[in-house]
């Protein structure tokens, strides 16, 4: 039975959830679905709704209630805890030098994010336009998991008339083309 979950590992789940808000991560048949908490509305699933309904009715999926807790520890150029810097340097050393140099820039924000996972179930859902509102239930003996992640976020400057998001997207695209074998 675990075989259907192999395509979506814990790293896939972490990359898909929001670092600031509670989420539900649903894993089944090699697919990950994410429902994000919207105040006053509940957990809303907006993407791949029809695929989710198919997986839901097959009944073979796992649900995780994810609560992240993010703490900004500083910027790369600042004094950050040595254990955090060591983790970063370990991974930066595996990147091409021009990519690693970009992360070592002064405006790279370093965060430590703790993810608390609790296994849950989804007894029902309600369709609302192009999305689903999911109800979830946590059993008393539900399994709980904990993962701690160091995250480096590059912030580019810019202004309203000249945003740097285009530069960031273009830089990332170039790196992916130039270094396709690098999956870090």
N, C-alpha and C. Protein backbone atom coordinates (compact mmCIF):
# COMPACT_ATOMS: atom_id res chain seq x y z
N UNK A 1 0.82 -1.19 0.00
CA UNK A 1 0.00 0.00 0.00
C UNK A 1 0.87 1.26 0.00
N UNK A 2 2.04 1.21 0.63
CA UNK A 2 2.87 2.42 0.69
C UNK A 2 3.36 2.82 -0.69
N UNK A 3 3.41 1.88 -1.63
CA UNK A 3 3.95 2.13 -2.96
C UNK A 3 3.29 3.33 -3.64
N UNK A 4 2.01 3.55 -3.43
CA UNK A 4 1.33 4.65 -4.11
C UNK A 4 1.79 6.01 -3.60
N UNK A 5 2.49 6.04 -2.46
CA UNK A 5 2.94 7.31 -1.90
C UNK A 5 4.39 7.62 -2.26
N UNK A 6 5.09 6.68 -2.90
CA UNK A 6 6.51 6.85 -3.15
C UNK A 6 6.85 8.07 -4.00
N UNK A 7 5.98 8.46 -4.89
CA UNK A 7 6.27 9.58 -5.79
C UNK A 7 6.29 10.92 -5.06
N UNK A 8 5.64 11.02 -3.91
CA UNK A 8 5.60 12.28 -3.15
C UNK A 8 6.23 12.05 -1.79
N UNK A 9 7.45 12.51 -1.63
CA UNK A 9 8.13 12.37 -0.36
C UNK A 9 7.91 13.59 0.51
N UNK A 10 8.52 13.55 1.68
CA UNK A 10 8.36 14.65 2.63
C UNK A 10 8.89 15.95 2.04
N UNK A 11 9.96 15.87 1.23
CA UNK A 11 10.50 17.09 0.61
C UNK A 11 9.50 17.68 -0.37
N UNK A 12 8.77 16.83 -1.11
CA UNK A 12 7.74 17.35 -2.02
C UNK A 12 6.63 18.06 -1.25
N UNK A 13 6.26 17.48 -0.12
CA UNK A 13 5.20 18.09 0.69
C UNK A 13 5.66 19.44 1.21
N UNK A 14 6.88 19.50 1.75
CA UNK A 14 7.39 20.76 2.30
C UNK A 14 7.48 21.84 1.22
N UNK A 15 7.91 21.47 0.02
CA UNK A 15 8.01 22.46 -1.05
C UNK A 15 6.65 22.97 -1.50
N UNK A 16 5.60 22.21 -1.24
CA UNK A 16 4.27 22.61 -1.69
C UNK A 16 3.45 23.39 -0.69
N UNK A 17 3.77 23.28 0.60
CA UNK A 17 2.97 23.97 1.61
C UNK A 17 3.46 25.40 1.80
N UNK A 18 2.63 26.21 2.41
CA UNK A 18 2.96 27.60 2.71
C UNK A 18 3.76 27.62 4.02
N UNK A 19 4.81 28.42 4.07
CA UNK A 19 5.64 28.50 5.28
C UNK A 19 5.00 29.29 6.40
N UNK A 20 3.93 30.01 6.10
CA UNK A 20 3.34 30.90 7.09
C UNK A 20 1.98 30.45 7.60
N UNK A 21 1.32 29.53 6.90
CA UNK A 21 -0.05 29.16 7.27
C UNK A 21 -0.23 27.65 7.32
N UNK A 22 -1.21 27.23 8.09
CA UNK A 22 -1.55 25.81 8.15
C UNK A 22 -2.02 25.34 6.79
N UNK A 23 -1.76 24.07 6.51
CA UNK A 23 -2.17 23.48 5.24
C UNK A 23 -2.58 22.04 5.47
N UNK A 24 -3.29 21.50 4.51
CA UNK A 24 -3.51 20.06 4.44
C UNK A 24 -2.76 19.57 3.21
N UNK A 25 -1.96 18.54 3.38
CA UNK A 25 -1.27 17.91 2.25
C UNK A 25 -1.88 16.54 2.07
N UNK A 26 -2.38 16.28 0.88
CA UNK A 26 -3.03 15.01 0.58
C UNK A 26 -2.15 14.28 -0.43
N UNK A 27 -1.76 13.05 -0.10
CA UNK A 27 -0.85 12.29 -0.93
C UNK A 27 -1.52 10.97 -1.33
N UNK A 28 -1.61 10.74 -2.64
CA UNK A 28 -2.18 9.48 -3.10
C UNK A 28 -1.93 9.27 -4.57
N UNK A 29 -1.65 8.03 -4.93
CA UNK A 29 -1.42 7.65 -6.32
C UNK A 29 -0.35 8.51 -6.99
N UNK A 30 0.72 8.78 -6.26
CA UNK A 30 1.84 9.53 -6.82
C UNK A 30 1.58 11.01 -7.01
N UNK A 31 0.54 11.51 -6.40
CA UNK A 31 0.20 12.93 -6.55
C UNK A 31 0.12 13.60 -5.18
N UNK A 32 0.45 14.88 -5.15
CA UNK A 32 0.31 15.69 -3.94
C UNK A 32 -0.71 16.78 -4.21
N UNK A 33 -1.61 16.97 -3.28
CA UNK A 33 -2.60 18.04 -3.36
C UNK A 33 -2.45 18.88 -2.10
N UNK A 34 -2.71 20.18 -2.23
CA UNK A 34 -2.56 21.08 -1.10
C UNK A 34 -3.81 21.92 -0.92
N UNK A 35 -4.29 21.94 0.31
CA UNK A 35 -5.42 22.80 0.66
C UNK A 35 -4.89 23.79 1.70
N UNK A 36 -5.07 25.06 1.43
CA UNK A 36 -4.53 26.09 2.30
C UNK A 36 -5.63 26.71 3.15
N UNK A 37 -5.30 27.01 4.39
CA UNK A 37 -6.26 27.59 5.32
C UNK A 37 -6.55 29.03 4.94
N UNK A 38 -7.81 29.31 4.70
CA UNK A 38 -8.26 30.68 4.44
C UNK A 38 -9.17 31.07 5.59
N UNK A 39 -8.80 32.11 6.34
CA UNK A 39 -9.59 32.52 7.50
C UNK A 39 -11.07 32.68 7.18
N UNK A 40 -11.89 32.08 8.01
CA UNK A 40 -13.34 32.18 7.86
C UNK A 40 -13.92 31.25 6.81
N UNK A 41 -13.06 30.56 6.06
CA UNK A 41 -13.54 29.67 5.00
C UNK A 41 -13.17 28.22 5.25
N UNK A 42 -12.02 27.98 5.85
CA UNK A 42 -11.54 26.62 6.05
C UNK A 42 -10.40 26.29 5.11
N UNK A 43 -10.16 25.00 4.92
CA UNK A 43 -9.09 24.54 4.05
C UNK A 43 -9.62 24.44 2.63
N UNK A 44 -9.01 25.22 1.73
CA UNK A 44 -9.49 25.33 0.35
C UNK A 44 -8.47 24.69 -0.60
N UNK A 45 -8.95 23.77 -1.42
CA UNK A 45 -8.14 23.16 -2.47
C UNK A 45 -8.56 23.80 -3.78
N UNK A 46 -7.61 24.46 -4.46
CA UNK A 46 -7.94 25.20 -5.68
C UNK A 46 -7.38 24.57 -6.95
N UNK A 47 -6.35 23.77 -6.84
CA UNK A 47 -5.70 23.21 -8.03
C UNK A 47 -6.01 21.73 -8.20
N UNK A 48 -6.18 21.32 -9.44
CA UNK A 48 -6.41 19.92 -9.79
C UNK A 48 -7.58 19.32 -9.01
N UNK A 49 -8.66 20.05 -8.96
CA UNK A 49 -9.85 19.64 -8.20
C UNK A 49 -10.39 18.30 -8.69
N UNK A 50 -10.54 18.14 -9.99
CA UNK A 50 -11.09 16.88 -10.53
C UNK A 50 -10.18 15.69 -10.24
N UNK A 51 -8.86 15.90 -10.30
CA UNK A 51 -7.92 14.83 -9.96
C UNK A 51 -8.07 14.44 -8.49
N UNK A 52 -8.23 15.44 -7.62
CA UNK A 52 -8.40 15.15 -6.20
C UNK A 52 -9.67 14.33 -5.96
N UNK A 53 -10.76 14.72 -6.60
CA UNK A 53 -12.03 14.00 -6.41
C UNK A 53 -11.86 12.53 -6.81
N UNK A 54 -11.14 12.28 -7.89
CA UNK A 54 -10.88 10.90 -8.33
C UNK A 54 -10.11 10.13 -7.26
N UNK A 55 -9.04 10.73 -6.72
CA UNK A 55 -8.24 10.08 -5.67
C UNK A 55 -9.08 9.89 -4.42
N UNK A 56 -9.87 10.89 -4.06
CA UNK A 56 -10.72 10.82 -2.86
C UNK A 56 -11.67 9.63 -2.94
N UNK A 57 -12.32 9.45 -4.07
CA UNK A 57 -13.30 8.37 -4.21
C UNK A 57 -12.66 6.99 -4.31
N UNK A 58 -11.39 6.94 -4.69
CA UNK A 58 -10.68 5.65 -4.65
C UNK A 58 -10.38 5.26 -3.21
N UNK A 59 -10.26 6.27 -2.34
CA UNK A 59 -10.08 6.01 -0.91
C UNK A 59 -8.68 5.66 -0.47
N UNK A 60 -7.72 5.68 -1.36
CA UNK A 60 -6.35 5.29 -1.00
C UNK A 60 -5.45 6.53 -1.00
N UNK A 61 -5.45 7.25 0.09
CA UNK A 61 -4.62 8.44 0.20
C UNK A 61 -4.31 8.69 1.66
N UNK A 62 -3.30 9.52 1.89
CA UNK A 62 -2.95 9.94 3.25
C UNK A 62 -3.08 11.45 3.33
N UNK A 63 -3.47 11.90 4.50
CA UNK A 63 -3.66 13.34 4.73
C UNK A 63 -2.76 13.76 5.89
N UNK A 64 -2.09 14.89 5.71
CA UNK A 64 -1.27 15.46 6.78
C UNK A 64 -1.73 16.88 7.05
N UNK A 65 -2.00 17.16 8.31
CA UNK A 65 -2.27 18.53 8.73
C UNK A 65 -0.90 19.11 9.06
N UNK A 66 -0.51 20.16 8.36
CA UNK A 66 0.83 20.72 8.48
C UNK A 66 0.76 22.09 9.12
N UNK A 67 1.51 22.25 10.22
CA UNK A 67 1.61 23.55 10.90
C UNK A 67 3.07 23.97 10.86
N UNK A 68 3.40 25.00 10.09
CA UNK A 68 4.78 25.48 10.06
C UNK A 68 5.02 26.57 11.10
N UNK A 69 6.25 26.65 11.56
CA UNK A 69 6.65 27.74 12.46
C UNK A 69 7.99 28.25 11.94
N UNK A 70 7.97 29.43 11.34
CA UNK A 70 9.18 29.99 10.73
C UNK A 70 9.82 31.02 11.65
N UNK A 71 11.14 30.96 11.73
CA UNK A 71 11.91 31.93 12.51
C UNK A 71 13.03 32.46 11.63
N UNK A 72 13.04 33.75 11.39
CA UNK A 72 14.13 34.36 10.62
C UNK A 72 15.32 34.50 11.57
N UNK A 73 16.46 33.92 11.16
CA UNK A 73 17.65 33.98 12.02
C UNK A 73 18.62 35.06 11.58
N UNK A 74 18.40 35.65 10.42
CA UNK A 74 19.26 36.74 9.96
C UNK A 74 19.49 36.68 8.47
N UNK A 75 20.50 37.42 8.05
CA UNK A 75 20.89 37.44 6.64
C UNK A 75 22.25 36.79 6.50
N UNK A 76 22.53 36.24 5.33
CA UNK A 76 23.75 35.47 5.13
C UNK A 76 24.99 36.26 5.52
N UNK A 77 25.00 37.55 5.26
CA UNK A 77 26.18 38.36 5.58
C UNK A 77 26.30 38.65 7.07
N UNK A 78 25.22 38.44 7.82
CA UNK A 78 25.23 38.69 9.26
C UNK A 78 25.81 37.50 10.01
N UNK A 79 25.90 37.69 11.30
CA UNK A 79 26.31 36.61 12.17
C UNK A 79 25.09 35.72 12.41
N UNK A 80 25.10 34.53 11.84
CA UNK A 80 24.01 33.59 12.07
C UNK A 80 24.59 32.39 12.82
N UNK A 81 23.76 31.64 13.53
CA UNK A 81 24.28 30.51 14.31
C UNK A 81 25.12 29.57 13.45
N UNK A 82 26.22 29.09 14.02
CA UNK A 82 27.16 28.26 13.25
C UNK A 82 26.53 26.97 12.74
N UNK A 83 25.61 26.38 13.52
CA UNK A 83 25.00 25.14 13.04
C UNK A 83 24.14 25.40 11.80
N UNK A 84 23.49 26.56 11.74
CA UNK A 84 22.69 26.92 10.57
C UNK A 84 23.61 27.22 9.38
N UNK A 85 24.68 27.98 9.63
CA UNK A 85 25.62 28.30 8.55
C UNK A 85 26.27 27.02 8.00
N UNK A 86 26.59 26.07 8.87
CA UNK A 86 27.19 24.81 8.42
C UNK A 86 26.26 24.04 7.48
N UNK A 87 24.97 24.01 7.80
CA UNK A 87 24.00 23.33 6.93
C UNK A 87 23.97 24.03 5.58
N UNK A 88 23.90 25.36 5.59
CA UNK A 88 23.87 26.11 4.34
C UNK A 88 25.12 25.87 3.50
N UNK A 89 26.28 25.96 4.12
CA UNK A 89 27.54 25.79 3.39
C UNK A 89 27.66 24.39 2.81
N UNK A 90 27.14 23.40 3.52
CA UNK A 90 27.17 22.02 3.01
C UNK A 90 26.46 21.94 1.66
N UNK A 91 25.31 22.56 1.57
CA UNK A 91 24.55 22.50 0.32
C UNK A 91 25.06 23.49 -0.72
N UNK A 92 25.51 24.65 -0.28
CA UNK A 92 26.06 25.62 -1.24
C UNK A 92 27.31 25.07 -1.92
N UNK A 93 28.08 24.26 -1.20
CA UNK A 93 29.30 23.69 -1.79
C UNK A 93 28.98 22.72 -2.92
N UNK A 94 27.75 22.22 -2.98
CA UNK A 94 27.34 21.29 -4.04
C UNK A 94 26.80 22.01 -5.26
N UNK A 95 26.58 23.31 -5.13
CA UNK A 95 26.05 24.09 -6.24
C UNK A 95 27.18 24.65 -7.10
N UNK A 96 26.90 24.96 -8.35
CA UNK A 96 27.89 25.67 -9.16
C UNK A 96 28.27 26.98 -8.48
N UNK A 97 29.51 27.40 -8.61
CA UNK A 97 30.02 28.58 -7.88
C UNK A 97 29.20 29.84 -8.14
N UNK A 98 28.78 30.08 -9.38
CA UNK A 98 28.01 31.30 -9.65
C UNK A 98 26.64 31.28 -8.95
N UNK A 99 26.07 30.11 -8.78
CA UNK A 99 24.79 29.99 -8.08
C UNK A 99 25.01 30.20 -6.58
N UNK A 100 26.02 29.53 -6.04
CA UNK A 100 26.33 29.68 -4.61
C UNK A 100 26.66 31.13 -4.27
N UNK A 101 27.37 31.81 -5.16
CA UNK A 101 27.73 33.22 -4.92
C UNK A 101 26.48 34.08 -4.80
N UNK A 102 25.47 33.78 -5.58
CA UNK A 102 24.22 34.54 -5.51
C UNK A 102 23.56 34.39 -4.14
N UNK A 103 23.62 33.18 -3.58
CA UNK A 103 23.03 32.95 -2.26
C UNK A 103 23.84 33.60 -1.15
N UNK A 104 25.14 33.76 -1.36
CA UNK A 104 25.97 34.38 -0.34
C UNK A 104 25.83 35.90 -0.33
N UNK A 105 25.01 36.42 -1.21
CA UNK A 105 24.76 37.86 -1.29
C UNK A 105 24.20 38.37 0.04
N UNK A 106 24.40 39.64 0.31
CA UNK A 106 24.00 40.24 1.59
C UNK A 106 22.50 40.17 1.86
N UNK A 107 21.66 40.09 0.84
CA UNK A 107 20.21 40.13 1.07
C UNK A 107 19.56 38.76 1.02
N UNK A 108 20.33 37.72 1.27
CA UNK A 108 19.76 36.38 1.37
C UNK A 108 19.30 36.18 2.81
N UNK A 109 17.99 36.04 2.97
CA UNK A 109 17.41 35.85 4.30
C UNK A 109 17.48 34.38 4.69
N UNK A 110 17.91 34.12 5.91
CA UNK A 110 18.03 32.75 6.40
C UNK A 110 16.95 32.52 7.46
N UNK A 111 16.16 31.48 7.23
CA UNK A 111 15.09 31.12 8.16
C UNK A 111 15.24 29.67 8.58
N UNK A 112 14.77 29.38 9.77
CA UNK A 112 14.64 28.00 10.21
C UNK A 112 13.14 27.77 10.33
N UNK A 113 12.66 26.75 9.61
CA UNK A 113 11.23 26.47 9.61
C UNK A 113 11.02 25.09 10.21
N UNK A 114 10.17 25.04 11.22
CA UNK A 114 9.79 23.78 11.84
C UNK A 114 8.41 23.41 11.31
N UNK A 115 8.30 22.20 10.78
CA UNK A 115 7.02 21.70 10.27
C UNK A 115 6.52 20.61 11.20
N UNK A 116 5.30 20.77 11.67
CA UNK A 116 4.66 19.78 12.52
C UNK A 116 3.57 19.11 11.69
N UNK A 117 3.74 17.81 11.44
CA UNK A 117 2.79 17.04 10.64
C UNK A 117 1.97 16.15 11.56
N UNK A 118 0.67 16.12 11.35
CA UNK A 118 -0.20 15.19 12.06
C UNK A 118 -1.04 14.47 11.02
N UNK A 119 -1.05 13.14 11.07
CA UNK A 119 -1.89 12.40 10.13
C UNK A 119 -3.35 12.68 10.45
N UNK A 120 -4.14 12.81 9.41
CA UNK A 120 -5.55 13.15 9.57
C UNK A 120 -6.36 12.39 8.52
N UNK A 121 -7.64 12.67 8.49
CA UNK A 121 -8.51 12.10 7.45
C UNK A 121 -9.41 13.21 6.93
N UNK A 122 -9.96 12.98 5.76
CA UNK A 122 -10.91 13.93 5.18
C UNK A 122 -12.24 13.20 5.04
N UNK A 123 -13.16 13.44 5.98
CA UNK A 123 -14.45 12.75 5.89
C UNK A 123 -15.32 13.25 4.74
N UNK A 124 -15.16 14.53 4.37
CA UNK A 124 -16.02 15.05 3.31
C UNK A 124 -15.43 16.32 2.72
N UNK A 125 -16.03 16.75 1.63
CA UNK A 125 -15.67 18.01 0.99
C UNK A 125 -16.93 18.62 0.41
N UNK A 126 -16.86 19.93 0.16
CA UNK A 126 -17.96 20.66 -0.47
C UNK A 126 -17.39 21.40 -1.66
N UNK A 127 -18.04 21.25 -2.80
CA UNK A 127 -17.57 21.95 -4.00
C UNK A 127 -18.08 23.38 -3.96
N UNK A 128 -17.19 24.32 -4.27
CA UNK A 128 -17.53 25.73 -4.29
C UNK A 128 -16.88 26.36 -5.52
N UNK A 129 -17.67 26.61 -6.55
CA UNK A 129 -17.16 27.13 -7.82
C UNK A 129 -16.03 26.25 -8.34
N UNK A 130 -14.82 26.80 -8.45
CA UNK A 130 -13.68 26.05 -8.99
C UNK A 130 -12.79 25.45 -7.92
N UNK A 131 -13.28 25.38 -6.69
CA UNK A 131 -12.45 24.87 -5.60
C UNK A 131 -13.26 23.92 -4.72
N UNK A 132 -12.56 23.33 -3.75
CA UNK A 132 -13.20 22.45 -2.78
C UNK A 132 -12.89 22.95 -1.38
N UNK A 133 -13.87 22.88 -0.49
CA UNK A 133 -13.66 23.16 0.92
C UNK A 133 -13.59 21.80 1.60
N UNK A 134 -12.45 21.50 2.21
CA UNK A 134 -12.22 20.19 2.82
C UNK A 134 -12.43 20.23 4.32
N UNK A 135 -13.12 19.23 4.84
CA UNK A 135 -13.18 19.07 6.29
C UNK A 135 -12.12 18.03 6.63
N UNK A 136 -11.54 18.14 7.81
CA UNK A 136 -10.55 17.13 8.19
C UNK A 136 -10.74 16.76 9.64
N UNK A 137 -10.24 15.58 9.98
CA UNK A 137 -10.40 15.05 11.33
C UNK A 137 -9.09 14.40 11.74
N UNK A 138 -8.66 14.68 12.97
CA UNK A 138 -7.45 14.07 13.52
C UNK A 138 -7.88 13.05 14.56
N UNK A 139 -7.43 11.82 14.40
CA UNK A 139 -7.75 10.77 15.36
C UNK A 139 -6.88 10.92 16.61
N UNK A 140 -7.34 10.38 17.72
CA UNK A 140 -6.59 10.48 18.97
C UNK A 140 -5.20 9.87 18.87
N UNK A 141 -5.10 8.72 18.23
CA UNK A 141 -3.81 8.03 18.12
C UNK A 141 -3.09 8.33 16.82
N UNK A 142 -3.36 9.47 16.24
CA UNK A 142 -2.75 9.86 14.96
C UNK A 142 -1.23 9.98 15.10
N UNK A 143 -0.53 9.57 14.05
CA UNK A 143 0.92 9.70 14.03
C UNK A 143 1.29 11.16 13.83
N UNK A 144 2.39 11.54 14.49
CA UNK A 144 2.88 12.91 14.37
C UNK A 144 4.33 12.87 13.92
N UNK A 145 4.68 13.86 13.10
CA UNK A 145 6.03 13.95 12.55
C UNK A 145 6.53 15.38 12.72
N UNK A 146 7.85 15.50 12.75
CA UNK A 146 8.47 16.81 12.93
C UNK A 146 9.67 16.89 11.99
N UNK A 147 9.75 17.99 11.25
CA UNK A 147 10.87 18.22 10.33
C UNK A 147 11.34 19.65 10.52
N UNK A 148 12.66 19.83 10.55
CA UNK A 148 13.25 21.16 10.68
C UNK A 148 14.04 21.44 9.41
N UNK A 149 13.82 22.61 8.82
CA UNK A 149 14.42 22.97 7.54
C UNK A 149 15.11 24.32 7.65
N UNK A 150 16.27 24.44 7.01
CA UNK A 150 16.93 25.74 6.88
C UNK A 150 16.62 26.24 5.48
N UNK A 151 16.10 27.44 5.40
CA UNK A 151 15.67 28.00 4.11
C UNK A 151 16.44 29.29 3.83
N UNK A 152 16.95 29.40 2.62
CA UNK A 152 17.64 30.62 2.18
C UNK A 152 16.79 31.25 1.09
N UNK A 153 16.39 32.50 1.30
CA UNK A 153 15.55 33.21 0.35
C UNK A 153 16.29 34.44 -0.16
N UNK A 154 16.45 34.52 -1.47
CA UNK A 154 17.11 35.67 -2.06
C UNK A 154 16.06 36.74 -2.32
N UNK A 155 16.31 37.94 -1.81
CA UNK A 155 15.43 39.07 -2.07
C UNK A 155 16.12 40.02 -3.03
N UNK A 156 15.46 40.32 -4.10
CA UNK A 156 15.98 41.27 -5.07
C UNK A 156 15.27 42.59 -4.84
N UNK A 157 15.99 43.68 -5.02
CA UNK A 157 15.39 45.01 -4.87
C UNK A 157 14.52 45.35 -6.05
N UNK A 158 14.38 46.60 -6.29
CA UNK A 158 13.57 47.05 -7.41
C UNK A 158 12.54 48.05 -6.93
N UNK A 159 11.75 48.50 -7.86
CA UNK A 159 10.69 49.45 -7.52
C UNK A 159 9.44 49.05 -8.26
N UNK A 160 8.37 49.78 -8.04
CA UNK A 160 7.10 49.47 -8.70
C UNK A 160 7.24 49.55 -10.22
N UNK A 161 8.03 50.50 -10.71
CA UNK A 161 8.17 50.64 -12.16
C UNK A 161 9.24 49.70 -12.74
N UNK A 162 10.11 49.18 -11.88
CA UNK A 162 11.18 48.30 -12.36
C UNK A 162 11.39 47.15 -11.37
N UNK A 163 10.41 46.23 -11.28
CA UNK A 163 10.54 45.13 -10.30
C UNK A 163 11.64 44.16 -10.70
N UNK A 164 12.24 43.55 -9.70
CA UNK A 164 13.33 42.60 -9.96
C UNK A 164 12.84 41.16 -10.07
N UNK A 165 11.53 40.92 -9.93
CA UNK A 165 11.03 39.55 -10.02
C UNK A 165 11.29 38.96 -11.39
N UNK A 166 11.25 39.78 -12.42
CA UNK A 166 11.55 39.29 -13.77
C UNK A 166 13.00 38.86 -13.85
N UNK A 167 13.90 39.63 -13.26
CA UNK A 167 15.32 39.28 -13.22
C UNK A 167 15.51 37.95 -12.48
N UNK A 168 14.83 37.80 -11.35
CA UNK A 168 14.94 36.58 -10.56
C UNK A 168 14.45 35.37 -11.35
N UNK A 169 13.32 35.49 -12.00
CA UNK A 169 12.77 34.39 -12.81
C UNK A 169 13.71 34.03 -13.96
N UNK A 170 14.24 35.04 -14.60
CA UNK A 170 15.15 34.82 -15.72
C UNK A 170 16.45 34.16 -15.25
N UNK A 171 16.97 34.58 -14.11
CA UNK A 171 18.18 33.98 -13.55
C UNK A 171 17.95 32.51 -13.24
N UNK A 172 16.82 32.20 -12.62
CA UNK A 172 16.50 30.81 -12.29
C UNK A 172 16.37 29.96 -13.55
N UNK A 173 15.71 30.49 -14.56
CA UNK A 173 15.55 29.77 -15.83
C UNK A 173 16.92 29.46 -16.44
N UNK A 174 17.82 30.45 -16.44
CA UNK A 174 19.16 30.25 -17.00
C UNK A 174 19.93 29.18 -16.23
N UNK A 175 19.83 29.19 -14.89
CA UNK A 175 20.52 28.19 -14.09
C UNK A 175 20.00 26.80 -14.40
N UNK A 176 18.70 26.68 -14.53
CA UNK A 176 18.12 25.35 -14.82
C UNK A 176 18.57 24.83 -16.18
N UNK A 177 18.70 25.72 -17.15
CA UNK A 177 19.19 25.30 -18.47
C UNK A 177 20.67 24.95 -18.42
N UNK A 178 21.45 25.76 -17.72
CA UNK A 178 22.90 25.58 -17.69
C UNK A 178 23.31 24.38 -16.82
N UNK A 179 22.55 24.11 -15.75
CA UNK A 179 22.89 23.04 -14.81
C UNK A 179 21.70 22.09 -14.62
N UNK A 180 21.26 21.39 -15.67
CA UNK A 180 20.07 20.54 -15.56
C UNK A 180 20.25 19.36 -14.61
N UNK A 181 21.49 18.94 -14.38
CA UNK A 181 21.73 17.79 -13.52
C UNK A 181 21.65 18.15 -12.04
N UNK A 182 21.66 19.43 -11.71
CA UNK A 182 21.67 19.85 -10.32
C UNK A 182 20.25 19.92 -9.78
N UNK A 183 19.95 19.11 -8.78
CA UNK A 183 18.60 19.05 -8.23
C UNK A 183 18.49 19.65 -6.84
N UNK A 184 19.55 20.28 -6.37
CA UNK A 184 19.50 20.88 -5.03
C UNK A 184 18.66 22.13 -5.07
